[in-house]
Structure formats: structure tokens, C-alpha cells
Amino acid sequence: MNYLKSSIGRKQLMGLTGLLWCGFVLSHMVGNMLIFMGPDAYNKYSHALITNPLLLLAEGALVVTLLVHIFYGLKLKFENQVARHTRYAMPTNGEKAARAHSKFMAFHGTLILVFIVYHLVTFKYGTHYVTNVDGVEMRDLHRLIIEVFQSPGYVAWYVLCLIGLGFHLSHGFYSAFASLGFYHPKYSAWLNQLGYVYAFVVAAGFISQPLYVFLFARAQ
């Protein structure tokens, strides 16, 4: 418990939970790219996830790690604000200036949290269509996605949130490794760039999906 009471312990726990979510969003983005392969490929993929006996365990782990990440993120932000009143204002330059957008992490995080909830309501608990693929009856999630992404308002909201996710990941990826002790002058710059590349790939991959559906696909 003393470890979690320390600033280092809380930052490392935030970093670990953040990296777990980094892995999840990357795998989720890659899986969703099957939308480009057609309805059968996408529905078979979603059906495999839904029927996986470990699904509830995985979802529970994601919820717990997300709540822990949010709790300690807010706690650290509050503590930093209190501590800031006891320090002199110093200009930011160099690497500190490059990380200046970290002050908006709470805003990005709030936007992402609202997006997750709305995303679950729209897709996981949305209209349940049924289809048959290779003789197996399953949910036609592809049809629901095509319908939802016909709305320009929803697509705009989706893209906005994914841009926010990209900014959040770009700083979070780097900070997570730094908090876990991987910070070193020899490779910190490389890790920083890797964070930007990772965030761009994830955000661009997700954004390409609604844009593709809205511009080229049509609801049946």
C-alpha cells in the first residue's frame, strides 16, 4: 500500500494500465480493418470475439484497468495543481516544450471516456441484426456499422474523438515507458518518436473506417 501512496508508484500504475490499453486499442483497430474485406469477414471476426469464453474476463480487466487509470490520473492532476502553487513559474523549452500538450491529457481523457460509453451504446448494445455465414447464424454487426456511419454528424463526432485519442496516445505512450523506468538520454528521443508513430497509426486506422463507409459504402 505504501507503494501506491507514493507518486512514483501511482505514476507507474498509470503507465502500466495505459500500456495495456495501448495494446488493446491497437489490436481493436487492426481487427476492425476487416471492414474493408466485406461483411462476411467482418462478421466472422466479431462473432469469434463475442463467442470467446474469455470475453467476460477480458472485458472485466479492461474496465478495472480503465477505472484505475482514470482514478490515479485525476489524483495526480489534483496533486500537481496543488504543488504548482508552491513553485515559481518557469518557461518551458526543449523536451518540456515538446511535451507541453500533456496539460490537455485530462481533456483528451474525458473526451475518450464519453466516446467509449457512446460507442458501446451504439454498437455493442445497438440494433441486433442477424445474418448467416458459412452455415453459422451470427450477429450482422457489419450492417449496423454501415447504417451508423451513413450519418455525417456521427462520422464527424467519431473523427473528432479519434483525433483526441491520437493526441492522448502520443503523450501517454512515451510517458508510460518513462514512468516504468525506460527513460534514458540514449533512446528517449527514439521512444518519443515511436509514440507519435504509434498514435498516428492507431488514430488513422480508426478514422479510415468511418470515412470509407461514409464515402464508399451504402446501407442495404
C-alpha atoms as a PDB file:
ATOM      1  CA  MET A   1       0.000   0.000   0.000  1.00  0.00           C
ATOM      2  CA  ASN A   2       2.930   2.353   0.669  1.00  0.00           C
ATOM      3  CA  TYR A   3       3.953   1.846  -2.954  1.00  0.00           C
ATOM      4  CA  LEU A   4       0.562   3.083  -4.207  1.00  0.00           C
ATOM      5  CA  LYS A   5       0.704   6.045  -1.839  1.00  0.00           C
ATOM      6  CA  SER A   6       3.931   7.240  -3.430  1.00  0.00           C
ATOM      7  CA  SER A   7       3.941   9.472  -6.507  1.00  0.00           C
ATOM      8  CA  ILE A   8       6.248   7.045  -8.332  1.00  0.00           C
ATOM      9  CA  GLY A   9       4.004   4.083  -7.581  1.00  0.00           C
ATOM     10  CA  ARG A  10       0.891   5.842  -8.837  1.00  0.00           C
ATOM     11  CA  LYS A  11       2.649   7.011 -11.995  1.00  0.00           C
ATOM     12  CA  GLN A  12       3.943   3.513 -12.697  1.00  0.00           C
ATOM     13  CA  LEU A  13       0.480   2.023 -12.180  1.00  0.00           C
ATOM     14  CA  MET A  14      -0.928   4.639 -14.552  1.00  0.00           C
ATOM     15  CA  GLY A  15       1.790   3.779 -17.048  1.00  0.00           C
ATOM     16  CA  LEU A  16       1.119   0.043 -16.833  1.00  0.00           C
ATOM     17  CA  THR A  17      -2.647   0.387 -17.219  1.00  0.00           C
ATOM     18  CA  GLY A  18      -2.093   2.873 -20.037  1.00  0.00           C
ATOM     19  CA  LEU A  19       0.150   0.433 -21.915  1.00  0.00           C
ATOM     20  CA  LEU A  20      -2.436  -2.324 -21.514  1.00  0.00           C
ATOM     21  CA  TRP A  21      -4.987  -0.061 -23.162  1.00  0.00           C
ATOM     22  CA  CYS A  22      -2.448   0.879 -25.839  1.00  0.00           C
ATOM     23  CA  GLY A  23      -2.219  -2.796 -26.726  1.00  0.00           C
ATOM     24  CA  PHE A  24      -5.983  -3.153 -26.727  1.00  0.00           C
ATOM     25  CA  VAL A  25      -6.736  -0.180 -28.980  1.00  0.00           C
ATOM     26  CA  LEU A  26      -4.059  -1.279 -31.458  1.00  0.00           C
ATOM     27  CA  SER A  27      -5.449  -4.824 -31.682  1.00  0.00           C
ATOM     28  CA  HIS A  28      -9.004  -3.475 -31.863  1.00  0.00           C
ATOM     29  CA  MET A  29      -8.057  -1.141 -34.702  1.00  0.00           C
ATOM     30  CA  VAL A  30      -6.333  -3.929 -36.649  1.00  0.00           C
ATOM     31  CA  GLY A  31      -9.318  -6.257 -36.218  1.00  0.00           C
ATOM     32  CA  ASN A  32     -11.750  -3.588 -37.330  1.00  0.00           C
ATOM     33  CA  MET A  33      -9.796  -3.110 -40.548  1.00  0.00           C
ATOM     34  CA  LEU A  34     -11.641  -6.211 -41.748  1.00  0.00           C
ATOM     35  CA  ILE A  35     -14.455  -3.790 -42.591  1.00  0.00           C
ATOM     36  CA  PHE A  36     -12.543  -3.312 -45.858  1.00  0.00           C
ATOM     37  CA  MET A  37     -12.751  -7.061 -46.560  1.00  0.00           C
ATOM     38  CA  GLY A  38     -16.543  -7.210 -46.688  1.00  0.00           C
ATOM     39  CA  PRO A  39     -19.436  -8.251 -44.429  1.00  0.00           C
ATOM     40  CA  ASP A  40     -18.603 -11.948 -44.063  1.00  0.00           C
ATOM     41  CA  ALA A  41     -15.011 -11.373 -42.957  1.00  0.00           C
ATOM     42  CA  TYR A  42     -16.028  -8.668 -40.509  1.00  0.00           C
ATOM     43  CA  ASN A  43     -18.970 -10.570 -39.058  1.00  0.00           C
ATOM     44  CA  LYS A  44     -16.894 -13.747 -38.613  1.00  0.00           C
ATOM     45  CA  TYR A  45     -14.292 -11.714 -36.746  1.00  0.00           C
ATOM     46  CA  SER A  46     -16.869 -10.065 -34.458  1.00  0.00           C
ATOM     47  CA  HIS A  47     -18.623 -13.408 -33.895  1.00  0.00           C
ATOM     48  CA  ALA A  48     -15.319 -15.003 -32.837  1.00  0.00           C
ATOM     49  CA  LEU A  49     -14.854 -12.249 -30.266  1.00  0.00           C
ATOM     50  CA  ILE A  50     -18.417 -12.382 -28.964  1.00  0.00           C
ATOM     51  CA  THR A  51     -18.388 -16.179 -28.523  1.00  0.00           C
ATOM     52  CA  ASN A  52     -14.938 -16.318 -26.934  1.00  0.00           C
ATOM     53  CA  PRO A  53     -15.334 -17.831 -23.433  1.00  0.00           C
ATOM     54  CA  LEU A  54     -12.696 -15.413 -22.114  1.00  0.00           C
ATOM     55  CA  LEU A  55     -14.644 -12.365 -23.290  1.00  0.00           C
ATOM     56  CA  LEU A  56     -16.154 -11.521 -19.891  1.00  0.00           C
ATOM     57  CA  LEU A  57     -12.780 -11.854 -18.208  1.00  0.00           C
ATOM     58  CA  ALA A  58     -11.152  -9.595 -20.811  1.00  0.00           C
ATOM     59  CA  GLU A  59     -13.930  -7.006 -20.555  1.00  0.00           C
ATOM     60  CA  GLY A  60     -13.692  -7.038 -16.760  1.00  0.00           C
ATOM     61  CA  ALA A  61      -9.940  -6.494 -16.927  1.00  0.00           C
ATOM     62  CA  LEU A  62     -10.382  -3.598 -19.352  1.00  0.00           C
ATOM     63  CA  VAL A  63     -12.971  -1.928 -17.123  1.00  0.00           C
ATOM     64  CA  VAL A  64     -10.825  -2.307 -13.985  1.00  0.00           C
ATOM     65  CA  THR A  65      -7.648  -1.017 -15.649  1.00  0.00           C
ATOM     66  CA  LEU A  66      -9.570   1.909 -17.160  1.00  0.00           C
ATOM     67  CA  LEU A  67     -11.044   2.890 -13.794  1.00  0.00           C
ATOM     68  CA  VAL A  68      -7.630   2.624 -12.129  1.00  0.00           C
ATOM     69  CA  HIS A  69      -6.091   4.732 -14.897  1.00  0.00           C
ATOM     70  CA  ILE A  70      -8.775   7.411 -14.546  1.00  0.00           C
ATOM     71  CA  PHE A  71      -8.640   7.457 -10.734  1.00  0.00           C
ATOM     72  CA  TYR A  72      -4.898   7.874 -10.455  1.00  0.00           C
ATOM     73  CA  GLY A  73      -4.813  10.247 -13.414  1.00  0.00           C
ATOM     74  CA  LEU A  74      -7.242  12.593 -11.664  1.00  0.00           C
ATOM     75  CA  LYS A  75      -5.430  12.174  -8.349  1.00  0.00           C
ATOM     76  CA  LEU A  76      -2.059  13.053  -9.855  1.00  0.00           C
ATOM     77  CA  LYS A  77      -3.541  16.019 -11.712  1.00  0.00           C
ATOM     78  CA  PHE A  78      -5.019  17.376  -8.483  1.00  0.00           C
ATOM     79  CA  GLU A  79      -1.752  16.882  -6.601  1.00  0.00           C
ATOM     80  CA  ASN A  80       0.190  18.611  -9.376  1.00  0.00           C
ATOM     81  CA  GLN A  81      -2.165  21.578  -9.293  1.00  0.00           C
ATOM     82  CA  VAL A  82      -1.720  21.895  -5.538  1.00  0.00           C
ATOM     83  CA  ALA A  83       2.063  21.600  -5.827  1.00  0.00           C
ATOM     84  CA  ARG A  84       2.195  24.158  -8.645  1.00  0.00           C
ATOM     85  CA  HIS A  85       1.122  26.908  -6.265  1.00  0.00           C
ATOM     86  CA  THR A  86       4.335  26.418  -4.298  1.00  0.00           C
ATOM     87  CA  ARG A  87       6.641  26.743  -7.324  1.00  0.00           C
ATOM     88  CA  TYR A  88       7.884  29.687  -9.320  1.00  0.00           C
ATOM     89  CA  ALA A  89       6.716  29.912 -12.906  1.00  0.00           C
ATOM     90  CA  MET A  90       9.428  28.624 -15.229  1.00  0.00           C
ATOM     91  CA  PRO A  91       9.462  28.874 -19.041  1.00  0.00           C
ATOM     92  CA  THR A  92       9.263  25.561 -20.874  1.00  0.00           C
ATOM     93  CA  ASN A  93      11.764  24.738 -23.555  1.00  0.00           C
ATOM     94  CA  GLY A  94      13.364  21.759 -25.219  1.00  0.00           C
ATOM     95  CA  GLU A  95      11.756  18.456 -24.319  1.00  0.00           C
ATOM     96  CA  LYS A  96       9.448  20.102 -21.782  1.00  0.00           C
ATOM     97  CA  ALA A  97       8.042  22.320 -24.513  1.00  0.00           C
ATOM     98  CA  ALA A  98       7.598  19.296 -26.772  1.00  0.00           C
ATOM     99  CA  ARG A  99       5.533  17.679 -24.040  1.00  0.00           C
ATOM    100  CA  ALA A 100       3.535  20.852 -23.328  1.00  0.00           C
ATOM    101  CA  HIS A 101       0.335  19.338 -24.720  1.00  0.00           C
ATOM    102  CA  SER A 102       0.376  16.944 -21.748  1.00  0.00           C
ATOM    103  CA  LYS A 103      -1.580  19.636 -19.855  1.00  0.00           C
ATOM    104  CA  PHE A 104      -4.588  18.677 -22.005  1.00  0.00           C
ATOM    105  CA  MET A 105      -4.435  14.978 -21.110  1.00  0.00           C
ATOM    106  CA  ALA A 106      -7.409  15.292 -18.756  1.00  0.00           C
ATOM    107  CA  PHE A 107      -9.457  16.895 -21.535  1.00  0.00           C
ATOM    108  CA  HIS A 108      -8.447  14.177 -24.024  1.00  0.00           C
ATOM    109  CA  GLY A 109      -9.208  11.505 -21.425  1.00  0.00           C
ATOM    110  CA  THR A 110     -12.673  12.886 -20.700  1.00  0.00           C
ATOM    111  CA  LEU A 111     -13.486  13.037 -24.406  1.00  0.00           C
ATOM    112  CA  ILE A 112     -12.299   9.452 -24.861  1.00  0.00           C
ATOM    113  CA  LEU A 113     -14.340   8.231 -21.883  1.00  0.00           C
ATOM    114  CA  VAL A 114     -17.529   9.796 -23.284  1.00  0.00           C
ATOM    115  CA  PHE A 115     -16.684   8.299 -26.666  1.00  0.00           C
ATOM    116  CA  ILE A 116     -16.226   4.792 -25.191  1.00  0.00           C
ATOM    117  CA  VAL A 117     -19.598   4.907 -23.454  1.00  0.00           C
ATOM    118  CA  TYR A 118     -21.394   6.235 -26.549  1.00  0.00           C
ATOM    119  CA  HIS A 119     -19.554   3.731 -28.737  1.00  0.00           C
ATOM    120  CA  LEU A 120     -20.697   0.815 -26.578  1.00  0.00           C
ATOM    121  CA  VAL A 121     -24.286   2.062 -26.533  1.00  0.00           C
ATOM    122  CA  THR A 122     -24.267   2.454 -30.321  1.00  0.00           C
ATOM    123  CA  PHE A 123     -22.602  -0.796 -31.338  1.00  0.00           C
ATOM    124  CA  LYS A 124     -22.381  -3.354 -28.527  1.00  0.00           C
ATOM    125  CA  TYR A 125     -25.927  -2.624 -27.361  1.00  0.00           C
ATOM    126  CA  GLY A 126     -27.291  -1.301 -30.651  1.00  0.00           C
ATOM    127  CA  THR A 127     -29.723  -2.875 -33.093  1.00  0.00           C
ATOM    128  CA  HIS A 128     -29.203  -6.637 -33.300  1.00  0.00           C
ATOM    129  CA  TYR A 129     -29.343  -7.765 -36.925  1.00  0.00           C
ATOM    130  CA  VAL A 130     -28.813 -11.429 -37.786  1.00  0.00           C
ATOM    131  CA  THR A 131     -27.009 -12.995 -40.721  1.00  0.00           C
ATOM    132  CA  ASN A 132     -25.735 -16.423 -41.767  1.00  0.00           C
ATOM    133  CA  VAL A 133     -22.108 -17.020 -42.716  1.00  0.00           C
ATOM    134  CA  ASP A 134     -20.926 -20.486 -43.764  1.00  0.00           C
ATOM    135  CA  GLY A 135     -23.992 -22.020 -42.180  1.00  0.00           C
ATOM    136  CA  VAL A 136     -23.497 -20.262 -38.843  1.00  0.00           C
ATOM    137  CA  GLU A 137     -26.066 -17.784 -37.576  1.00  0.00           C
ATOM    138  CA  MET A 138     -24.451 -14.692 -36.081  1.00  0.00           C
ATOM    139  CA  ARG A 139     -24.973 -11.021 -35.423  1.00  0.00           C
ATOM    140  CA  ASP A 140     -24.745  -8.806 -38.509  1.00  0.00           C
ATOM    141  CA  LEU A 141     -22.618  -6.108 -36.937  1.00  0.00           C
ATOM    142  CA  HIS A 142     -21.374  -5.065 -40.361  1.00  0.00           C
ATOM    143  CA  ARG A 143     -24.877  -3.935 -41.331  1.00  0.00           C
ATOM    144  CA  LEU A 144     -25.201  -1.843 -38.163  1.00  0.00           C
ATOM    145  CA  ILE A 145     -21.841  -0.166 -38.787  1.00  0.00           C
ATOM    146  CA  ILE A 146     -22.781   0.672 -42.365  1.00  0.00           C
ATOM    147  CA  GLU A 147     -26.043   2.224 -41.164  1.00  0.00           C
ATOM    148  CA  VAL A 148     -24.492   4.237 -38.329  1.00  0.00           C
ATOM    149  CA  PHE A 149     -21.673   5.643 -40.452  1.00  0.00           C
ATOM    150  CA  GLN A 150     -24.126   6.999 -43.020  1.00  0.00           C
ATOM    151  CA  SER A 151     -24.727   9.862 -40.598  1.00  0.00           C
ATOM    152  CA  PRO A 152     -22.353  12.796 -41.251  1.00  0.00           C
ATOM    153  CA  GLY A 153     -22.862  14.017 -37.684  1.00  0.00           C
ATOM    154  CA  TYR A 154     -21.808  10.710 -36.166  1.00  0.00           C
ATOM    155  CA  VAL A 155     -18.826  10.417 -38.519  1.00  0.00           C
ATOM    156  CA  ALA A 156     -17.679  13.942 -37.582  1.00  0.00           C
ATOM    157  CA  TRP A 157     -18.032  13.127 -33.877  1.00  0.00           C
ATOM    158  CA  TYR A 158     -16.162   9.843 -34.362  1.00  0.00           C
ATOM    159  CA  VAL A 159     -13.284  11.512 -36.204  1.00  0.00           C
ATOM    160  CA  LEU A 160     -13.029  14.277 -33.587  1.00  0.00           C
ATOM    161  CA  CYS A 161     -12.787  11.735 -30.783  1.00  0.00           C
ATOM    162  CA  LEU A 162     -10.194   9.680 -32.625  1.00  0.00           C
ATOM    163  CA  ILE A 163      -8.054  12.789 -33.142  1.00  0.00           C
ATOM    164  CA  GLY A 164      -8.282  13.316 -29.385  1.00  0.00           C
ATOM    165  CA  LEU A 165      -7.275   9.685 -28.878  1.00  0.00           C
ATOM    166  CA  GLY A 166      -4.254  10.216 -31.103  1.00  0.00           C
ATOM    167  CA  PHE A 167      -3.041  13.165 -29.021  1.00  0.00           C
ATOM    168  CA  HIS A 168      -3.680  11.249 -25.800  1.00  0.00           C
ATOM    169  CA  LEU A 169      -1.770   8.207 -27.006  1.00  0.00           C
ATOM    170  CA  SER A 170       1.159  10.186 -28.376  1.00  0.00           C
ATOM    171  CA  HIS A 171       1.972  11.570 -24.937  1.00  0.00           C
ATOM    172  CA  GLY A 172       0.691   8.606 -22.924  1.00  0.00           C
ATOM    173  CA  PHE A 173       2.800   6.042 -24.790  1.00  0.00           C
ATOM    174  CA  TYR A 174       6.011   7.956 -24.109  1.00  0.00           C
ATOM    175  CA  SER A 175       5.109   8.831 -20.525  1.00  0.00           C
ATOM    176  CA  ALA A 176       4.154   5.249 -19.672  1.00  0.00           C
ATOM    177  CA  PHE A 177       7.580   3.910 -20.602  1.00  0.00           C
ATOM    178  CA  ALA A 178       9.294   6.819 -18.844  1.00  0.00           C
ATOM    179  CA  SER A 179       7.298   6.163 -15.646  1.00  0.00           C
ATOM    180  CA  LEU A 180       8.250   2.495 -15.760  1.00  0.00           C
ATOM    181  CA  GLY A 181      11.941   3.381 -15.817  1.00  0.00           C
ATOM    182  CA  PHE A 182      12.732   3.235 -19.537  1.00  0.00           C
ATOM    183  CA  TYR A 183      13.747   6.877 -19.745  1.00  0.00           C
ATOM    184  CA  HIS A 184      17.343   7.350 -20.865  1.00  0.00           C
ATOM    185  CA  PRO A 185      19.015  10.080 -22.974  1.00  0.00           C
ATOM    186  CA  LYS A 186      20.259   7.449 -25.441  1.00  0.00           C
ATOM    187  CA  TYR A 187      16.813   6.310 -26.516  1.00  0.00           C
ATOM    188  CA  SER A 188      14.291   8.769 -25.072  1.00  0.00           C
ATOM    189  CA  ALA A 189      14.142  10.693 -28.368  1.00  0.00           C
ATOM    190  CA  TRP A 190      13.559   7.448 -30.253  1.00  0.00           C
ATOM    191  CA  LEU A 191      10.835   6.419 -27.803  1.00  0.00           C
ATOM    192  CA  ASN A 192       9.253   9.827 -28.185  1.00  0.00           C
ATOM    193  CA  GLN A 193       9.105   9.441 -31.977  1.00  0.00           C
ATOM    194  CA  LEU A 194       7.807   5.892 -31.656  1.00  0.00           C
ATOM    195  CA  GLY A 195       4.951   7.241 -29.552  1.00  0.00           C
ATOM    196  CA  TYR A 196       3.983   9.681 -32.290  1.00  0.00           C
ATOM    197  CA  VAL A 197       4.149   6.959 -34.962  1.00  0.00           C
ATOM    198  CA  TYR A 198       2.077   4.570 -32.835  1.00  0.00           C
ATOM    199  CA  ALA A 199      -0.557   7.238 -32.111  1.00  0.00           C
ATOM    200  CA  PHE A 200      -0.776   8.218 -35.782  1.00  0.00           C
ATOM    201  CA  VAL A 201      -1.184   4.611 -36.943  1.00  0.00           C
ATOM    202  CA  VAL A 202      -3.926   3.883 -34.413  1.00  0.00           C
ATOM    203  CA  ALA A 203      -5.854   7.118 -34.979  1.00  0.00           C
ATOM    204  CA  ALA A 204      -5.513   6.992 -38.778  1.00  0.00           C
ATOM    205  CA  GLY A 205      -6.545   3.339 -38.851  1.00  0.00           C
ATOM    206  CA  PHE A 206      -9.694   4.006 -36.846  1.00  0.00           C
ATOM    207  CA  ILE A 207     -10.554   7.185 -38.764  1.00  0.00           C
ATOM    208  CA  SER A 208     -10.205   5.446 -42.140  1.00  0.00           C
ATOM    209  CA  GLN A 209     -13.088   3.115 -41.297  1.00  0.00           C
ATOM    210  CA  PRO A 210     -15.994   5.590 -40.895  1.00  0.00           C
ATOM    211  CA  LEU A 211     -14.668   7.697 -43.769  1.00  0.00           C
ATOM    212  CA  TYR A 212     -14.574   4.646 -46.029  1.00  0.00           C
ATOM    213  CA  VAL A 213     -18.118   3.650 -45.088  1.00  0.00           C
ATOM    214  CA  PHE A 214     -19.490   7.166 -45.395  1.00  0.00           C
ATOM    215  CA  LEU A 215     -17.849   7.873 -48.761  1.00  0.00           C
ATOM    216  CA  PHE A 216     -17.984   4.487 -50.482  1.00  0.00           C
ATOM    217  CA  ALA A 217     -20.313   2.053 -48.708  1.00  0.00           C
ATOM    218  CA  ARG A 218     -24.083   2.131 -48.707  1.00  0.00           C
ATOM    219  CA  ALA A 219     -26.639   0.703 -46.290  1.00  0.00           C
ATOM    220  CA  GLN A 220     -28.630  -2.166 -47.712  1.00  0.00           C
END
